Amino acid sequence: MTSYKVYLTGLKDDIDKADLEEYFAEFGIVESVDIVANRETQRSRGFAFVSFNDYDPVDKIVRKLHSSLSS
């Protein structure tokens, strides 16, 4: 199964789209960043989705996470 999207959770309130775009650009071309907000307050609910133009960046992210957890 391939995916072009990464699900992020545990985001702090001060993280915005530009922060996520900048960080994840090291892995590949970011097509979109969707920070999920509360409909009434418009405050972040603490999770987001980052979409790429290819599945390769997602694989790189998973490998980096896996190697950091294995250390």
PDB file of N, CA and C in Angstrom:
ATOM      1  N   MET A   1       0.843  -1.184   0.000  1.00  0.00           N
ATOM      2  CA  MET A   1       0.000   0.000   0.000  1.00  0.00           C
ATOM      3  C   MET A   1       0.882   1.239   0.000  1.00  0.00           C
ATOM      4  N   THR A   2       0.583   2.179  -0.848  1.00  0.00           N
ATOM      5  CA  THR A   2       1.342   3.427  -0.896  1.00  0.00           C
ATOM      6  C   THR A   2       0.456   4.573  -0.465  1.00  0.00           C
ATOM      7  N   SER A   3       1.098   5.564   0.121  1.00  0.00           N
ATOM      8  CA  SER A   3       0.363   6.727   0.585  1.00  0.00           C
ATOM      9  C   SER A   3       1.146   7.984   0.233  1.00  0.00           C
ATOM     10  N   TYR A   4       0.421   8.997  -0.092  1.00  0.00           N
ATOM     11  CA  TYR A   4       1.010  10.293  -0.393  1.00  0.00           C
ATOM     12  C   TYR A   4       0.819  11.259   0.772  1.00  0.00           C
ATOM     13  N   LYS A   5       0.271  10.774   1.872  1.00  0.00           N
ATOM     14  CA  LYS A   5      -0.124  11.647   2.967  1.00  0.00           C
ATOM     15  C   LYS A   5       0.407  11.108   4.290  1.00  0.00           C
ATOM     16  N   VAL A   6       0.816  12.051   5.164  1.00  0.00           N
ATOM     17  CA  VAL A   6       1.285  11.713   6.505  1.00  0.00           C
ATOM     18  C   VAL A   6       0.318  12.330   7.507  1.00  0.00           C
ATOM     19  N   TYR A   7      -0.041  11.533   8.510  1.00  0.00           N
ATOM     20  CA  TYR A   7      -0.901  12.001   9.603  1.00  0.00           C
ATOM     21  C   TYR A   7      -0.008  12.367  10.778  1.00  0.00           C
ATOM     22  N   LEU A   8      -0.187  13.571  11.300  1.00  0.00           N
ATOM     23  CA  LEU A   8       0.592  14.049  12.436  1.00  0.00           C
ATOM     24  C   LEU A   8      -0.339  14.310  13.606  1.00  0.00           C
ATOM     25  N   THR A   9       0.090  13.929  14.781  1.00  0.00           N
ATOM     26  CA  THR A   9      -0.709  14.181  15.974  1.00  0.00           C
ATOM     27  C   THR A   9       0.186  14.741  17.068  1.00  0.00           C
ATOM     28  N   GLY A  10      -0.432  15.354  18.051  1.00  0.00           N
ATOM     29  CA  GLY A  10       0.325  15.945  19.158  1.00  0.00           C
ATOM     30  C   GLY A  10       0.936  17.287  18.822  1.00  0.00           C
ATOM     31  N   LEU A  11       0.358  17.989  17.845  1.00  0.00           N
ATOM     32  CA  LEU A  11       0.895  19.301  17.464  1.00  0.00           C
ATOM     33  C   LEU A  11       0.602  20.341  18.537  1.00  0.00           C
ATOM     34  N   LYS A  12       1.581  21.180  18.800  1.00  0.00           N
ATOM     35  CA  LYS A  12       1.385  22.281  19.736  1.00  0.00           C
ATOM     36  C   LYS A  12       0.571  23.380  19.056  1.00  0.00           C
ATOM     37  N   ASP A  13      -0.060  24.216  19.870  1.00  0.00           N
ATOM     38  CA  ASP A  13      -0.913  25.292  19.338  1.00  0.00           C
ATOM     39  C   ASP A  13      -0.158  26.290  18.463  1.00  0.00           C
ATOM     40  N   ASP A  14       1.137  26.471  18.714  1.00  0.00           N
ATOM     41  CA  ASP A  14       1.876  27.495  17.976  1.00  0.00           C
ATOM     42  C   ASP A  14       2.452  27.000  16.645  1.00  0.00           C
ATOM     43  N   ILE A  15       2.188  25.748  16.286  1.00  0.00           N
ATOM     44  CA  ILE A  15       2.636  25.211  14.991  1.00  0.00           C
ATOM     45  C   ILE A  15       1.640  25.636  13.916  1.00  0.00           C
ATOM     46  N   ASP A  16       2.170  26.197  12.813  1.00  0.00           N
ATOM     47  CA  ASP A  16       1.277  26.585  11.721  1.00  0.00           C
ATOM     48  C   ASP A  16       1.684  25.886  10.420  1.00  0.00           C
ATOM     49  N   LYS A  17       0.934  26.144   9.370  1.00  0.00           N
ATOM     50  CA  LYS A  17       1.177  25.489   8.088  1.00  0.00           C
ATOM     51  C   LYS A  17       2.588  25.732   7.580  1.00  0.00           C
ATOM     52  N   ALA A  18       3.060  26.961   7.694  1.00  0.00           N
ATOM     53  CA  ALA A  18       4.398  27.300   7.209  1.00  0.00           C
ATOM     54  C   ALA A  18       5.472  26.489   7.935  1.00  0.00           C
ATOM     55  N   ASP A  19       5.300  26.289   9.236  1.00  0.00           N
ATOM     56  CA  ASP A  19       6.259  25.477  10.000  1.00  0.00           C
ATOM     57  C   ASP A  19       6.317  24.054   9.464  1.00  0.00           C
ATOM     58  N   LEU A  20       5.159  23.466   9.224  1.00  0.00           N
ATOM     59  CA  LEU A  20       5.107  22.093   8.735  1.00  0.00           C
ATOM     60  C   LEU A  20       5.637  21.990   7.307  1.00  0.00           C
ATOM     61  N   GLU A  21       5.294  22.948   6.454  1.00  0.00           N
ATOM     62  CA  GLU A  21       5.805  22.949   5.081  1.00  0.00           C
ATOM     63  C   GLU A  21       7.325  23.026   5.073  1.00  0.00           C
ATOM     64  N   GLU A  22       7.872  23.898   5.902  1.00  0.00           N
ATOM     65  CA  GLU A  22       9.327  24.064   5.965  1.00  0.00           C
ATOM     66  C   GLU A  22      10.005  22.784   6.445  1.00  0.00           C
ATOM     67  N   TYR A  23       9.489  22.189   7.497  1.00  0.00           N
ATOM     68  CA  TYR A  23      10.102  20.980   8.043  1.00  0.00           C
ATOM     69  C   TYR A  23      10.029  19.822   7.053  1.00  0.00           C
ATOM     70  N   PHE A  24       8.878  19.576   6.478  1.00  0.00           N
ATOM     71  CA  PHE A  24       8.697  18.404   5.628  1.00  0.00           C
ATOM     72  C   PHE A  24       9.222  18.592   4.212  1.00  0.00           C
ATOM     73  N   ALA A  25       9.606  19.802   3.828  1.00  0.00           N
ATOM     74  CA  ALA A  25      10.192  20.042   2.509  1.00  0.00           C
ATOM     75  C   ALA A  25      11.515  19.301   2.355  1.00  0.00           C
ATOM     76  N   GLU A  26      12.180  18.973   3.456  1.00  0.00           N
ATOM     77  CA  GLU A  26      13.440  18.220   3.360  1.00  0.00           C
ATOM     78  C   GLU A  26      13.221  16.811   2.816  1.00  0.00           C
ATOM     79  N   PHE A  27      11.998  16.312   2.890  1.00  0.00           N
ATOM     80  CA  PHE A  27      11.697  14.961   2.442  1.00  0.00           C
ATOM     81  C   PHE A  27      11.178  14.904   1.014  1.00  0.00           C
ATOM     82  N   GLY A  28      10.593  15.993   0.520  1.00  0.00           N
ATOM     83  CA  GLY A  28      10.038  16.008  -0.828  1.00  0.00           C
ATOM     84  C   GLY A  28       9.148  17.219  -1.034  1.00  0.00           C
ATOM     85  N   ILE A  29       8.469  17.237  -2.161  1.00  0.00           N
ATOM     86  CA  ILE A  29       7.597  18.359  -2.517  1.00  0.00           C
ATOM     87  C   ILE A  29       6.278  18.246  -1.767  1.00  0.00           C
ATOM     88  N   VAL A  30       6.012  19.230  -0.916  1.00  0.00           N
ATOM     89  CA  VAL A  30       4.775  19.268  -0.133  1.00  0.00           C
ATOM     90  C   VAL A  30       3.683  19.896  -0.997  1.00  0.00           C
ATOM     91  N   GLU A  31       2.608  19.152  -1.202  1.00  0.00           N
ATOM     92  CA  GLU A  31       1.487  19.682  -1.982  1.00  0.00           C
ATOM     93  C   GLU A  31       0.497  20.449  -1.122  1.00  0.00           C
ATOM     94  N   SER A  32       0.254  19.947   0.092  1.00  0.00           N
ATOM     95  CA  SER A  32      -0.684  20.654   0.961  1.00  0.00           C
ATOM     96  C   SER A  32      -0.439  20.266   2.413  1.00  0.00           C
ATOM     97  N   VAL A  33      -0.830  21.188   3.277  1.00  0.00           N
ATOM     98  CA  VAL A  33      -0.812  20.970   4.722  1.00  0.00           C
ATOM     99  C   VAL A  33      -2.185  21.344   5.240  1.00  0.00           C
ATOM    100  N   ASP A  34      -2.820  20.402   5.925  1.00  0.00           N
ATOM    101  CA  ASP A  34      -4.152  20.646   6.471  1.00  0.00           C
ATOM    102  C   ASP A  34      -4.113  20.440   7.978  1.00  0.00           C
ATOM    103  N   ILE A  35      -4.109  21.554   8.711  1.00  0.00           N
ATOM    104  CA  ILE A  35      -4.181  21.491  10.166  1.00  0.00           C
ATOM    105  C   ILE A  35      -5.662  21.510  10.528  1.00  0.00           C
ATOM    106  N   VAL A  36      -6.094  20.495  11.227  1.00  0.00           N
ATOM    107  CA  VAL A  36      -7.516  20.362  11.550  1.00  0.00           C
ATOM    108  C   VAL A  36      -7.842  21.278  12.727  1.00  0.00           C
ATOM    109  N   ALA A  37      -8.875  22.098  12.536  1.00  0.00           N
ATOM    110  CA  ALA A  37      -9.268  23.083  13.545  1.00  0.00           C
ATOM    111  C   ALA A  37     -10.684  22.817  14.046  1.00  0.00           C
ATOM    112  N   ASN A  38     -10.939  23.252  15.249  1.00  0.00           N
ATOM    113  CA  ASN A  38     -12.273  23.205  15.819  1.00  0.00           C
ATOM    114  C   ASN A  38     -13.143  24.170  15.025  1.00  0.00           C
ATOM    115  N   ARG A  39     -14.303  23.735  14.596  1.00  0.00           N
ATOM    116  CA  ARG A  39     -15.176  24.586  13.763  1.00  0.00           C
ATOM    117  C   ARG A  39     -15.649  25.842  14.480  1.00  0.00           C
ATOM    118  N   GLU A  40     -15.888  25.730  15.762  1.00  0.00           N
ATOM    119  CA  GLU A  40     -16.423  26.874  16.500  1.00  0.00           C
ATOM    120  C   GLU A  40     -15.346  27.869  16.909  1.00  0.00           C
ATOM    121  N   THR A  41     -14.214  27.379  17.386  1.00  0.00           N
ATOM    122  CA  THR A  41     -13.170  28.265  17.911  1.00  0.00           C
ATOM    123  C   THR A  41     -12.063  28.549  16.911  1.00  0.00           C
ATOM    124  N   GLN A  42     -11.982  27.751  15.844  1.00  0.00           N
ATOM    125  CA  GLN A  42     -10.922  27.840  14.836  1.00  0.00           C
ATOM    126  C   GLN A  42      -9.529  27.554  15.398  1.00  0.00           C
ATOM    127  N   ARG A  43      -9.454  27.016  16.609  1.00  0.00           N
ATOM    128  CA  ARG A  43      -8.171  26.631  17.204  1.00  0.00           C
ATOM    129  C   ARG A  43      -7.807  25.224  16.730  1.00  0.00           C
ATOM    130  N   SER A  44      -6.509  24.991  16.640  1.00  0.00           N
ATOM    131  CA  SER A  44      -6.016  23.687  16.217  1.00  0.00           C
ATOM    132  C   SER A  44      -6.498  22.599  17.167  1.00  0.00           C
ATOM    133  N   ARG A  45      -6.850  21.452  16.582  1.00  0.00           N
ATOM    134  CA  ARG A  45      -7.245  20.298  17.387  1.00  0.00           C
ATOM    135  C   ARG A  45      -6.038  19.410  17.693  1.00  0.00           C
ATOM    136  N   GLY A  46      -4.845  19.827  17.247  1.00  0.00           N
ATOM    137  CA  GLY A  46      -3.616  19.117  17.573  1.00  0.00           C
ATOM    138  C   GLY A  46      -3.204  18.051  16.581  1.00  0.00           C
ATOM    139  N   PHE A  47      -3.862  18.011  15.418  1.00  0.00           N
ATOM    140  CA  PHE A  47      -3.417  17.067  14.395  1.00  0.00           C
ATOM    141  C   PHE A  47      -3.536  17.672  13.007  1.00  0.00           C
ATOM    142  N   ALA A  48      -2.783  17.062  12.080  1.00  0.00           N
ATOM    143  CA  ALA A  48      -2.720  17.604  10.722  1.00  0.00           C
ATOM    144  C   ALA A  48      -2.396  16.492   9.732  1.00  0.00           C
ATOM    145  N   PHE A  49      -2.563  16.819   8.451  1.00  0.00           N
ATOM    146  CA  PHE A  49      -2.203  15.940   7.350  1.00  0.00           C
ATOM    147  C   PHE A  49      -1.277  16.711   6.427  1.00  0.00           C
ATOM    148  N   VAL A  50      -0.178  16.075   6.035  1.00  0.00           N
ATOM    149  CA  VAL A  50       0.751  16.666   5.077  1.00  0.00           C
ATOM    150  C   VAL A  50       0.737  15.774   3.845  1.00  0.00           C
ATOM    151  N   SER A  51       0.432  16.353   2.690  1.00  0.00           N
ATOM    152  CA  SER A  51       0.350  15.602   1.437  1.00  0.00           C
ATOM    153  C   SER A  51       1.532  15.944   0.544  1.00  0.00           C
ATOM    154  N   PHE A  52       2.048  14.914  -0.123  1.00  0.00           N
ATOM    155  CA  PHE A  52       3.184  15.064  -1.027  1.00  0.00           C
ATOM    156  C   PHE A  52       2.764  14.712  -2.451  1.00  0.00           C
ATOM    157  N   ASN A  53       3.632  15.032  -3.410  1.00  0.00           N
ATOM    158  CA  ASN A  53       3.333  14.734  -4.811  1.00  0.00           C
ATOM    159  C   ASN A  53       3.725  13.307  -5.189  1.00  0.00           C
ATOM    160  N   ASP A  54       4.327  12.560  -4.250  1.00  0.00           N
ATOM    161  CA  ASP A  54       4.807  11.210  -4.516  1.00  0.00           C
ATOM    162  C   ASP A  54       4.796  10.438  -3.201  1.00  0.00           C
ATOM    163  N   TYR A  55       4.867   9.131  -3.264  1.00  0.00           N
ATOM    164  CA  TYR A  55       4.893   8.328  -2.041  1.00  0.00           C
ATOM    165  C   TYR A  55       6.292   8.221  -1.440  1.00  0.00           C
ATOM    166  N   ASP A  56       7.342   8.511  -2.201  1.00  0.00           N
ATOM    167  CA  ASP A  56       8.714   8.383  -1.711  1.00  0.00           C
ATOM    168  C   ASP A  56       8.994   9.223  -0.460  1.00  0.00           C
ATOM    169  N   PRO A  57       8.544  10.483  -0.387  1.00  0.00           N
ATOM    170  CA  PRO A  57       8.778  11.252   0.838  1.00  0.00           C
ATOM    171  C   PRO A  57       8.141  10.602   2.071  1.00  0.00           C
ATOM    172  N   VAL A  58       6.982   9.998   1.888  1.00  0.00           N
ATOM    173  CA  VAL A  58       6.310   9.336   3.009  1.00  0.00           C
ATOM    174  C   VAL A  58       7.162   8.162   3.494  1.00  0.00           C
ATOM    175  N   ASP A  59       7.708   7.394   2.559  1.00  0.00           N
ATOM    176  CA  ASP A  59       8.593   6.292   2.931  1.00  0.00           C
ATOM    177  C   ASP A  59       9.812   6.802   3.698  1.00  0.00           C
ATOM    178  N   LYS A  60      10.400   7.914   3.241  1.00  0.00           N
ATOM    179  CA  LYS A  60      11.564   8.492   3.927  1.00  0.00           C
ATOM    180  C   LYS A  60      11.216   8.889   5.360  1.00  0.00           C
ATOM    181  N   ILE A  61      10.059   9.473   5.549  1.00  0.00           N
ATOM    182  CA  ILE A  61       9.625   9.902   6.883  1.00  0.00           C
ATOM    183  C   ILE A  61       9.446   8.698   7.792  1.00  0.00           C
ATOM    184  N   VAL A  62       8.815   7.659   7.283  1.00  0.00           N
ATOM    185  CA  VAL A  62       8.592   6.450   8.081  1.00  0.00           C
ATOM    186  C   VAL A  62       9.924   5.808   8.450  1.00  0.00           C
ATOM    187  N   ARG A  63      10.856   5.732   7.494  1.00  0.00           N
ATOM    188  CA  ARG A  63      12.173   5.159   7.801  1.00  0.00           C
ATOM    189  C   ARG A  63      12.906   5.982   8.849  1.00  0.00           C
ATOM    190  N   LYS A  64      12.828   7.307   8.759  1.00  0.00           N
ATOM    191  CA  LYS A  64      13.494   8.173   9.744  1.00  0.00           C
ATOM    192  C   LYS A  64      12.886   7.964  11.111  1.00  0.00           C
ATOM    193  N   LEU A  65      11.581   7.898  11.202  1.00  0.00           N
ATOM    194  CA  LEU A  65      10.899   7.668  12.482  1.00  0.00           C
ATOM    195  C   LEU A  65      11.270   6.300  13.039  1.00  0.00           C
ATOM    196  N   HIS A  66      11.247   5.290  12.195  1.00  0.00           N
ATOM    197  CA  HIS A  66      11.571   3.931  12.634  1.00  0.00           C
ATOM    198  C   HIS A  66      13.008   3.850  13.151  1.00  0.00           C
ATOM    199  N   SER A  67      13.938   4.490  12.450  1.00  0.00           N
ATOM    200  CA  SER A  67      15.334   4.426  12.895  1.00  0.00           C
ATOM    201  C   SER A  67      15.552   5.201  14.186  1.00  0.00           C
ATOM    202  N   SER A  68      14.807   6.276  14.392  1.00  0.00           N
ATOM    203  CA  SER A  68      14.959   7.030  15.641  1.00  0.00           C
ATOM    204  C   SER A  68      14.340   6.280  16.825  1.00  0.00           C
ATOM    205  N   LEU A  69      13.313   5.497  16.576  1.00  0.00           N
ATOM    206  CA  LEU A  69      12.693   4.704  17.644  1.00  0.00           C
ATOM    207  C   LEU A  69      13.515   3.470  17.959  1.00  0.00           C
ATOM    208  N   SER A  70      14.278   2.989  16.987  1.00  0.00           N
ATOM    209  CA  SER A  70      15.080   1.784  17.194  1.00  0.00           C
ATOM    210  C   SER A  70      16.389   2.066  17.929  1.00  0.00           C
ATOM    211  N   SER A  71      16.788   3.324  17.987  1.00  0.00           N
ATOM    212  CA  SER A  71      18.079   3.683  18.599  1.00  0.00           C
ATOM    213  C   SER A  71      18.042   3.587  20.103  1.00  0.00           C
TER     214      SER A  71
END
